[in-house]
Amino acid sequence: MKYSLLLLVCSSFLVTSYSSLAETIKLPVGAQSTSQQHLPKMGTSKAQVKSQFGEPLKENPAKGKPPISNWEYAEFVVYFEYDHVIHSVSKPKLSESKETVIETTDEMSEDELKLNK
């Protein structure tokens, strides 16, 4: 009886201690691209993507079964299964990230900057 009570208390302590270590990370995904950006739609063929958006910067070969390939453009990446689009993803804008870091640094005091080094 004592052993099971001790085990219950210890396991409760472990569960609560791990949950207190959790951290919430918020990423401004909506701010990465404008709502006006046009991306290839699911089901579009490779030929249609090339005619609408031009030649990609890089064509990565297909891997796996079914074969999944992707084309990289300046502002987005298009994923294909066989010859048709299955997903299009906007690339993050690095210049916005740098501006955010500079703004955050400007708001910090010299003491806070020294602590972060």
Protein backbone atom coordinates (compact mmCIF):
# COMPACT_ATOMS: atom_id res chain seq x y z
CA MET A 1 0.00 0.00 0.00
CA LYS A 2 2.76 2.43 0.97
CA TYR A 3 4.69 1.53 -2.16
CA SER A 4 1.74 2.22 -4.48
CA LEU A 5 1.01 5.53 -2.74
CA LEU A 6 4.65 6.57 -3.08
CA LEU A 7 4.62 5.55 -6.74
CA LEU A 8 1.46 7.58 -7.35
CA VAL A 9 2.93 10.69 -5.71
CA CYS A 10 6.21 10.40 -7.63
CA SER A 11 4.50 9.88 -10.97
CA SER A 12 2.22 12.87 -10.33
CA PHE A 13 5.27 14.98 -9.55
CA LEU A 14 6.99 13.92 -12.79
CA VAL A 15 3.94 14.67 -14.92
CA THR A 16 3.46 18.15 -13.46
CA SER A 17 7.16 19.01 -13.65
CA TYR A 18 7.34 18.16 -17.37
CA SER A 19 4.28 20.21 -18.17
CA SER A 20 5.80 23.24 -16.45
CA LEU A 21 8.79 23.04 -18.82
CA ALA A 22 6.60 23.49 -21.90
CA GLU A 23 6.99 26.64 -23.95
CA THR A 24 4.71 28.32 -26.45
CA ILE A 25 6.32 29.52 -29.67
CA LYS A 26 4.29 31.83 -31.89
CA LEU A 27 5.30 32.22 -35.52
CA PRO A 28 3.80 35.00 -37.62
CA VAL A 29 2.91 32.72 -40.53
CA GLY A 30 0.25 35.03 -41.93
CA ALA A 31 2.71 37.89 -42.11
CA GLN A 32 5.10 35.97 -44.37
CA SER A 33 3.15 36.46 -47.57
CA THR A 34 0.51 38.75 -48.89
CA SER A 35 -3.00 37.46 -49.42
CA GLN A 36 -2.64 38.49 -53.08
CA GLN A 37 0.21 36.04 -53.81
CA HIS A 38 -0.81 33.52 -56.45
CA LEU A 39 0.45 29.96 -56.01
CA PRO A 40 -0.08 26.93 -58.24
CA LYS A 41 -3.26 25.10 -57.25
CA MET A 42 -3.55 21.40 -56.44
CA GLY A 43 -4.05 19.26 -59.55
CA THR A 44 -2.27 21.66 -61.93
CA SER A 45 0.12 19.92 -64.34
CA LYS A 46 3.85 20.66 -64.54
CA ALA A 47 3.37 22.12 -68.04
CA GLN A 48 0.68 24.51 -66.76
CA VAL A 49 2.90 25.61 -63.85
CA LYS A 50 5.76 26.38 -66.26
CA SER A 51 3.47 28.33 -68.58
CA GLN A 52 1.99 30.41 -65.71
CA PHE A 53 5.10 30.96 -63.56
CA GLY A 54 8.02 30.37 -65.94
CA GLU A 55 11.07 28.18 -65.45
CA PRO A 56 11.84 27.29 -61.81
CA LEU A 57 15.15 28.31 -60.25
CA LYS A 58 15.76 24.68 -59.33
CA GLU A 59 14.07 21.37 -60.18
CA ASN A 60 14.66 18.76 -57.48
CA PRO A 61 14.30 15.15 -58.70
CA ALA A 62 11.53 12.81 -57.57
CA LYS A 63 12.07 10.59 -54.52
CA GLY A 64 10.10 7.75 -52.99
CA LYS A 65 6.93 5.94 -53.98
CA PRO A 66 4.82 7.62 -55.17
CA PRO A 67 7.51 9.87 -56.66
CA ILE A 68 7.45 13.34 -55.06
CA SER A 69 9.47 16.12 -56.71
CA ASN A 70 9.59 19.86 -56.16
CA TRP A 71 10.39 23.01 -58.06
CA GLU A 72 11.84 26.03 -56.32
CA TYR A 73 10.84 29.53 -57.39
CA ALA A 74 12.02 32.81 -55.82
CA GLU A 75 8.99 33.20 -53.53
CA PHE A 76 7.54 29.69 -53.27
CA VAL A 77 8.11 25.94 -53.69
CA VAL A 78 5.77 23.64 -55.62
CA TYR A 79 5.50 19.93 -54.75
CA PHE A 80 4.46 17.39 -57.38
CA GLU A 81 3.28 13.79 -57.24
CA TYR A 82 4.04 12.33 -60.64
CA ASP A 83 3.07 15.22 -62.97
CA HIS A 84 0.54 17.15 -60.84
CA VAL A 85 0.75 19.72 -58.03
CA ILE A 86 -0.04 18.38 -54.58
CA HIS A 87 1.05 21.44 -52.55
CA SER A 88 2.53 24.95 -52.90
CA VAL A 89 4.34 26.70 -50.04
CA SER A 90 5.46 30.34 -49.70
CA LYS A 91 9.08 30.85 -48.68
CA PRO A 92 9.68 32.96 -45.56
CA LYS A 93 10.86 36.48 -46.21
CA LEU A 94 14.24 36.77 -44.51
CA SER A 95 14.38 40.56 -44.68
CA GLU A 96 11.29 40.81 -42.46
CA SER A 97 12.93 38.54 -39.88
CA LYS A 98 16.04 40.74 -39.77
CA GLU A 99 13.93 43.88 -39.27
CA THR A 100 12.09 42.22 -36.41
CA VAL A 101 15.36 41.32 -34.69
CA ILE A 102 16.61 44.90 -35.05
CA GLU A 103 13.37 46.33 -33.64
CA THR A 104 13.53 43.94 -30.68
CA THR A 105 17.18 44.78 -30.04
CA ASP A 106 16.45 48.53 -30.10
CA GLU A 107 13.87 48.08 -27.37
CA MET A 108 16.25 46.17 -25.08
CA SER A 109 18.43 47.92 -22.53
CA GLU A 110 22.21 47.50 -22.49
CA ASP A 111 21.95 45.26 -19.42
CA GLU A 112 19.51 42.93 -21.19
CA LEU A 113 21.80 42.76 -24.22
CA LYS A 114 24.78 41.80 -22.01
CA LEU A 115 22.73 39.02 -20.38
CA ASN A 116 21.78 37.58 -23.77
CA LYS A 117 25.41 37.26 -24.95
